[in-house]
Every structure is written in C-alpha cells, then in structure tokens.
PDB file of N, CA and C in Angstrom:
ATOM      1  N   MET A   1       5.665  -7.388  -0.494  1.00  0.00           N
ATOM      2  CA  MET A   1       5.375  -8.268   0.321  1.00  0.00           C
ATOM      3  C   MET A   1       4.607  -9.832   0.226  1.00  0.00           C
ATOM      4  N   ASN A   2       5.050 -10.700   0.276  1.00  0.00           N
ATOM      5  CA  ASN A   2       4.152 -11.651   0.668  1.00  0.00           C
ATOM      6  C   ASN A   2       3.763 -11.991   1.456  1.00  0.00           C
ATOM      7  N   TRP A   3       2.349 -12.778   1.864  1.00  0.00           N
ATOM      8  CA  TRP A   3       2.038 -13.159   3.026  1.00  0.00           C
ATOM      9  C   TRP A   3       2.258 -13.772   3.978  1.00  0.00           C
ATOM     10  N   ASP A   4       2.364 -15.563   2.923  1.00  0.00           N
ATOM     11  CA  ASP A   4       3.435 -16.293   3.204  1.00  0.00           C
ATOM     12  C   ASP A   4       4.570 -15.658   4.211  1.00  0.00           C
ATOM     13  N   ARG A   5       5.104 -15.453   3.954  1.00  0.00           N
ATOM     14  CA  ARG A   5       6.551 -14.696   4.061  1.00  0.00           C
ATOM     15  C   ARG A   5       5.542 -14.053   5.379  1.00  0.00           C
ATOM     16  N   ILE A   6       5.818 -13.338   5.633  1.00  0.00           N
ATOM     17  CA  ILE A   6       4.969 -12.667   7.192  1.00  0.00           C
ATOM     18  C   ILE A   6       4.976 -13.757   7.726  1.00  0.00           C
ATOM     19  N   GLU A   7       3.914 -14.654   7.507  1.00  0.00           N
ATOM     20  CA  GLU A   7       3.850 -15.838   8.844  1.00  0.00           C
ATOM     21  C   GLU A   7       4.765 -16.423   9.160  1.00  0.00           C
ATOM     22  N   GLY A   8       5.466 -16.655   7.872  1.00  0.00           N
ATOM     23  CA  GLY A   8       7.178 -17.386   8.631  1.00  0.00           C
ATOM     24  C   GLY A   8       7.473 -16.951  10.175  1.00  0.00           C
ATOM     25  N   ASN A   9       7.717 -15.699   8.922  1.00  0.00           N
ATOM     26  CA  ASN A   9       8.094 -14.482  10.139  1.00  0.00           C
ATOM     27  C   ASN A   9       7.995 -13.619  12.047  1.00  0.00           C
ATOM     28  N   TRP A  10       6.383 -14.603  11.960  1.00  0.00           N
ATOM     29  CA  TRP A  10       5.382 -13.110  12.647  1.00  0.00           C
ATOM     30  C   TRP A  10       5.765 -12.704  13.545  1.00  0.00           C
ATOM     31  N   LYS A  11       6.699 -13.559  14.344  1.00  0.00           N
ATOM     32  CA  LYS A  11       7.830 -13.167  15.541  1.00  0.00           C
ATOM     33  C   LYS A  11       8.054 -11.543  14.892  1.00  0.00           C
ATOM     34  N   GLN A  12       9.157 -12.071  13.869  1.00  0.00           N
ATOM     35  CA  GLN A  12       9.897 -10.386  13.893  1.00  0.00           C
ATOM     36  C   GLN A  12       8.716  -9.326  13.400  1.00  0.00           C
ATOM     37  N   PHE A  13       7.123  -9.347  13.077  1.00  0.00           N
ATOM     38  CA  PHE A  13       6.546  -8.207  11.621  1.00  0.00           C
ATOM     39  C   PHE A  13       5.689  -8.289  13.307  1.00  0.00           C
ATOM     40  N   ALA A  14       6.111  -8.890  14.218  1.00  0.00           N
ATOM     41  CA  ALA A  14       4.402  -8.769  15.542  1.00  0.00           C
ATOM     42  C   ALA A  14       4.398  -7.026  15.820  1.00  0.00           C
ATOM     43  N   GLY A  15       6.438  -6.870  15.869  1.00  0.00           N
ATOM     44  CA  GLY A  15       6.663  -5.668  16.308  1.00  0.00           C
ATOM     45  C   GLY A  15       6.390  -4.428  15.112  1.00  0.00           C
ATOM     46  N   LYS A  16       6.240  -4.712  14.333  1.00  0.00           N
ATOM     47  CA  LYS A  16       5.473  -3.693  13.237  1.00  0.00           C
ATOM     48  C   LYS A  16       4.000  -4.077  12.896  1.00  0.00           C
ATOM     49  N   VAL A  17       3.673  -4.949  13.064  1.00  0.00           N
ATOM     50  CA  VAL A  17       1.932  -5.032  13.184  1.00  0.00           C
ATOM     51  C   VAL A  17       1.711  -4.087  14.562  1.00  0.00           C
ATOM     52  N   LYS A  18       2.237  -4.214  15.397  1.00  0.00           N
ATOM     53  CA  LYS A  18       2.480  -3.484  16.468  1.00  0.00           C
ATOM     54  C   LYS A  18       1.991  -1.181  16.664  1.00  0.00           C
ATOM     55  N   GLU A  19       3.375  -1.439  16.312  1.00  0.00           N
ATOM     56  CA  GLU A  19       3.565   0.362  15.303  1.00  0.00           C
ATOM     57  C   GLU A  19       2.227   0.912  14.906  1.00  0.00           C
ATOM     58  N   LYS A  20       2.795  -0.153  14.048  1.00  0.00           N
ATOM     59  CA  LYS A  20       1.041   0.287  13.715  1.00  0.00           C
ATOM     60  C   LYS A  20      -0.207   0.017  14.301  1.00  0.00           C
ATOM     61  N   TRP A  21      -0.107  -0.546  14.607  1.00  0.00           N
ATOM     62  CA  TRP A  21      -2.108  -0.840  15.196  1.00  0.00           C
ATOM     63  C   TRP A  21      -1.927  -1.056  17.141  1.00  0.00           C
ATOM     64  N   GLY A  22      -1.630   0.008  17.979  1.00  0.00           N
ATOM     65  CA  GLY A  22      -0.550  -0.346  18.966  1.00  0.00           C
ATOM     66  C   GLY A  22      -1.861  -0.697  19.726  1.00  0.00           C
ATOM     67  N   LYS A  23      -3.389  -0.157  19.578  1.00  0.00           N
ATOM     68  CA  LYS A  23      -4.292  -1.329  20.928  1.00  0.00           C
ATOM     69  C   LYS A  23      -3.588  -2.980  20.422  1.00  0.00           C
ATOM     70  N   LEU A  24      -3.590  -3.261  19.958  1.00  0.00           N
ATOM     71  CA  LEU A  24      -3.675  -4.866  19.446  1.00  0.00           C
ATOM     72  C   LEU A  24      -2.504  -5.048  21.003  1.00  0.00           C
ATOM     73  N   THR A  25      -2.848  -6.176  21.978  1.00  0.00           N
ATOM     74  CA  THR A  25      -1.547  -6.666  22.707  1.00  0.00           C
ATOM     75  C   THR A  25      -0.676  -7.304  22.183  1.00  0.00           C
ATOM     76  N   ASP A  26       0.111  -7.325  22.936  1.00  0.00           N
ATOM     77  CA  ASP A  26       0.567  -9.272  22.460  1.00  0.00           C
ATOM     78  C   ASP A  26      -0.186 -10.797  22.788  1.00  0.00           C
ATOM     79  N   ASP A  27      -0.859 -10.577  23.706  1.00  0.00           N
ATOM     80  CA  ASP A  27      -1.336 -11.461  23.153  1.00  0.00           C
ATOM     81  C   ASP A  27      -1.895 -11.889  22.491  1.00  0.00           C
ATOM     82  N   GLU A  28      -3.327 -10.933  22.542  1.00  0.00           N
ATOM     83  CA  GLU A  28      -3.196 -10.583  20.660  1.00  0.00           C
ATOM     84  C   GLU A  28      -2.707 -11.420  19.400  1.00  0.00           C
ATOM     85  N   LEU A  29      -1.813 -10.318  19.667  1.00  0.00           N
ATOM     86  CA  LEU A  29      -0.625 -10.587  18.229  1.00  0.00           C
ATOM     87  C   LEU A  29      -0.230 -12.241  18.101  1.00  0.00           C
ATOM     88  N   ASP A  30       0.018 -13.209  19.318  1.00  0.00           N
ATOM     89  CA  ASP A  30       0.455 -14.364  18.936  1.00  0.00           C
ATOM     90  C   ASP A  30      -0.916 -14.898  19.382  1.00  0.00           C
ATOM     91  N   LYS A  31      -1.602 -15.190  19.288  1.00  0.00           N
ATOM     92  CA  LYS A  31      -3.254 -14.768  18.498  1.00  0.00           C
ATOM     93  C   LYS A  31      -3.114 -15.742  17.270  1.00  0.00           C
ATOM     94  N   ILE A  32      -3.038 -14.345  16.664  1.00  0.00           N
ATOM     95  CA  ILE A  32      -2.926 -14.261  15.627  1.00  0.00           C
ATOM     96  C   ILE A  32      -1.844 -15.204  14.823  1.00  0.00           C
ATOM     97  N   ALA A  33      -0.662 -15.367  15.042  1.00  0.00           N
ATOM     98  CA  ALA A  33      -0.095 -15.863  14.911  1.00  0.00           C
ATOM     99  C   ALA A  33       0.036 -15.929  13.272  1.00  0.00           C
ATOM    100  N   GLY A  34       0.018 -14.520  12.526  1.00  0.00           N
ATOM    101  CA  GLY A  34      -0.021 -14.467  11.565  1.00  0.00           C
ATOM    102  C   GLY A  34      -0.717 -14.374  10.331  1.00  0.00           C
ATOM    103  N   ARG A  35      -2.077 -14.890  10.961  1.00  0.00           N
ATOM    104  CA  ARG A  35      -3.111 -14.949   9.470  1.00  0.00           C
ATOM    105  C   ARG A  35      -3.500 -13.884   9.508  1.00  0.00           C
ATOM    106  N   ARG A  36      -3.203 -13.379   8.456  1.00  0.00           N
ATOM    107  CA  ARG A  36      -4.056 -11.930   7.751  1.00  0.00           C
ATOM    108  C   ARG A  36      -5.896 -11.753   8.422  1.00  0.00           C
ATOM    109  N   GLU A  37      -6.170 -12.470   8.259  1.00  0.00           N
ATOM    110  CA  GLU A  37      -7.922 -12.687   8.317  1.00  0.00           C
ATOM    111  C   GLU A  37      -8.074 -13.108   9.766  1.00  0.00           C
ATOM    112  N   GLN A  38      -7.271 -13.166  10.687  1.00  0.00           N
ATOM    113  CA  GLN A  38      -7.349 -13.337  11.781  1.00  0.00           C
ATOM    114  C   GLN A  38      -7.049 -11.658  12.411  1.00  0.00           C
ATOM    115  N   LEU A  39      -5.496 -10.961  11.932  1.00  0.00           N
ATOM    116  CA  LEU A  39      -5.427  -9.926  12.128  1.00  0.00           C
ATOM    117  C   LEU A  39      -6.511  -8.901  12.161  1.00  0.00           C
ATOM    118  N   ALA A  40      -7.051  -8.549  10.479  1.00  0.00           N
ATOM    119  CA  ALA A  40      -7.840  -8.103   9.808  1.00  0.00           C
ATOM    120  C   ALA A  40      -9.357  -7.590  10.844  1.00  0.00           C
ATOM    121  N   GLY A  41      -9.383  -9.017  12.256  1.00  0.00           N
ATOM    122  CA  GLY A  41     -10.299  -9.466  12.840  1.00  0.00           C
ATOM    123  C   GLY A  41     -10.404  -8.223  13.742  1.00  0.00           C
ATOM    124  N   LYS A  42      -9.236  -8.908  14.610  1.00  0.00           N
ATOM    125  CA  LYS A  42      -8.970  -8.129  15.909  1.00  0.00           C
ATOM    126  C   LYS A  42      -9.114  -6.395  15.338  1.00  0.00           C
ATOM    127  N   ILE A  43      -8.236  -5.881  14.606  1.00  0.00           N
ATOM    128  CA  ILE A  43      -8.122  -4.481  14.104  1.00  0.00           C
ATOM    129  C   ILE A  43      -9.423  -3.854  13.575  1.00  0.00           C
ATOM    130  N   GLN A  44     -10.874  -4.651  13.316  1.00  0.00           N
ATOM    131  CA  GLN A  44     -11.201  -3.915  13.274  1.00  0.00           C
ATOM    132  C   GLN A  44     -12.165  -3.912  15.047  1.00  0.00           C
ATOM    133  N   GLU A  45     -12.237  -5.122  15.298  1.00  0.00           N
ATOM    134  CA  GLU A  45     -13.081  -5.096  16.944  1.00  0.00           C
ATOM    135  C   GLU A  45     -11.819  -4.054  17.661  1.00  0.00           C
ATOM    136  N   SER A  46     -11.220  -3.497  17.483  1.00  0.00           N
ATOM    137  CA  SER A  46      -9.982  -2.939  18.603  1.00  0.00           C
ATOM    138  C   SER A  46     -10.388  -1.537  17.904  1.00  0.00           C
ATOM    139  N   TYR A  47     -10.193  -1.102  16.726  1.00  0.00           N
ATOM    140  CA  TYR A  47     -10.601   0.100  16.515  1.00  0.00           C
ATOM    141  C   TYR A  47     -11.944   0.905  15.479  1.00  0.00           C
ATOM    142  N   GLY A  48     -13.036  -0.174  15.834  1.00  0.00           N
ATOM    143  CA  GLY A  48     -14.078   0.457  15.927  1.00  0.00           C
ATOM    144  C   GLY A  48     -15.015   0.647  13.855  1.00  0.00           C
ATOM    145  N   ILE A  49     -13.482  -0.108  12.995  1.00  0.00           N
ATOM    146  CA  ILE A  49     -14.557   0.240  12.186  1.00  0.00           C
ATOM    147  C   ILE A  49     -14.489  -1.207  11.395  1.00  0.00           C
ATOM    148  N   SER A  50     -15.100  -0.619   9.751  1.00  0.00           N
ATOM    149  CA  SER A  50     -15.164  -1.847   9.246  1.00  0.00           C
ATOM    150  C   SER A  50     -14.505  -3.117   8.520  1.00  0.00           C
ATOM    151  N   ARG A  51     -15.251  -4.377   8.624  1.00  0.00           N
ATOM    152  CA  ARG A  51     -14.796  -5.265   8.014  1.00  0.00           C
ATOM    153  C   ARG A  51     -13.446  -4.571   6.451  1.00  0.00           C
ATOM    154  N   ASP A  52     -14.136  -4.451   5.728  1.00  0.00           N
ATOM    155  CA  ASP A  52     -13.737  -3.646   4.729  1.00  0.00           C
ATOM    156  C   ASP A  52     -12.493  -2.437   4.483  1.00  0.00           C
ATOM    157  N   GLU A  53     -12.760  -1.677   5.583  1.00  0.00           N
ATOM    158  CA  GLU A  53     -11.947  -1.061   5.761  1.00  0.00           C
ATOM    159  C   GLU A  53     -10.095  -1.198   6.938  1.00  0.00           C
ATOM    160  N   ALA A  54     -10.095  -2.180   7.529  1.00  0.00           N
ATOM    161  CA  ALA A  54      -9.609  -3.317   7.942  1.00  0.00           C
ATOM    162  C   ALA A  54      -8.763  -3.579   7.393  1.00  0.00           C
ATOM    163  N   GLU A  55      -9.359  -4.894   5.954  1.00  0.00           N
ATOM    164  CA  GLU A  55      -8.201  -5.503   5.190  1.00  0.00           C
ATOM    165  C   GLU A  55      -7.854  -3.305   4.003  1.00  0.00           C
ATOM    166  N   ARG A  56      -8.683  -2.973   3.845  1.00  0.00           N
ATOM    167  CA  ARG A  56      -7.603  -2.150   3.462  1.00  0.00           C
ATOM    168  C   ARG A  56      -6.293  -1.567   4.125  1.00  0.00           C
ATOM    169  N   GLN A  57      -6.136  -0.946   5.910  1.00  0.00           N
ATOM    170  CA  GLN A  57      -5.560  -1.149   5.509  1.00  0.00           C
ATOM    171  C   GLN A  57      -4.286  -2.207   6.049  1.00  0.00           C
ATOM    172  N   VAL A  58      -4.857  -3.631   5.789  1.00  0.00           N
ATOM    173  CA  VAL A  58      -3.887  -4.367   6.197  1.00  0.00           C
ATOM    174  C   VAL A  58      -3.202  -4.384   4.483  1.00  0.00           C
ATOM    175  N   LYS A  59      -3.789  -4.673   3.714  1.00  0.00           N
ATOM    176  CA  LYS A  59      -3.057  -4.775   3.085  1.00  0.00           C
ATOM    177  C   LYS A  59      -2.517  -3.259   2.464  1.00  0.00           C
ATOM    178  N   ASP A  60      -2.603  -2.236   2.815  1.00  0.00           N
ATOM    179  CA  ASP A  60      -1.414  -1.036   2.568  1.00  0.00           C
ATOM    180  C   ASP A  60      -0.103  -1.415   2.948  1.00  0.00           C
ATOM    181  N   TRP A  61      -0.224  -1.800   4.537  1.00  0.00           N
ATOM    182  CA  TRP A  61       0.850  -2.637   5.141  1.00  0.00           C
ATOM    183  C   TRP A  61       1.642  -3.338   5.239  1.00  0.00           C
ATOM    184  N   GLU A  62       0.814  -4.151   4.184  1.00  0.00           N
ATOM    185  CA  GLU A  62       1.457  -5.270   3.913  1.00  0.00           C
ATOM    186  C   GLU A  62       2.881  -4.825   2.196  1.00  0.00           C
ATOM    187  N   THR A  63       2.343  -4.259   1.834  1.00  0.00           N
ATOM    188  CA  THR A  63       2.734  -3.142   0.505  1.00  0.00           C
ATOM    189  C   THR A  63       4.053  -2.358   0.923  1.00  0.00           C
ATOM    190  N   ARG A  64       3.717  -1.538   1.673  1.00  0.00           N
ATOM    191  CA  ARG A  64       4.322  -0.801   2.672  1.00  0.00           C
ATOM    192  C   ARG A  64       5.863  -1.807   2.840  1.00  0.00           C
ATOM    193  N   LEU A  65       6.395  -3.488   3.812  1.00  0.00           N
ATOM    194  CA  LEU A  65       6.966  -3.524   3.742  1.00  0.00           C
ATOM    195  C   LEU A  65       8.378  -3.913   3.449  1.00  0.00           C
TER     196      LEU A  65
END
C-alpha cells in the first residue's frame, strides 16, 4: 500500500496503528495526522527504540496492510 493512501485515510488507519503500537495515545495519533516521519518518531519515543528500528516497524506494518 502506498503511504499517500494511508495519509489520506488516516482516521481509518489510526485504529490499526493503535492495535500495533498501543502505547500511542489518540492525541498523538491526531497530531501525527498520517505523516510517516511523525509516526516513526512517536514510536521511537514511546518504545525507546532506535530511529532505524522504528522506521523498519512502520515499513513492515505498511507492507502488511
């Protein structure tokens, strides 16, 4: 799936993001608003992982959609 589609339908995909990364709050998801870099940054911050690992997780999640 291409990220433009995720960004355009963020409200629908936010629930799937919450299932995968449950530590992210609804407020954080609203602020992310479908921006991939913002999502990876929040995952990195919330889970205490490297930026590369957060990016990898986002990419894996995206390909599984």
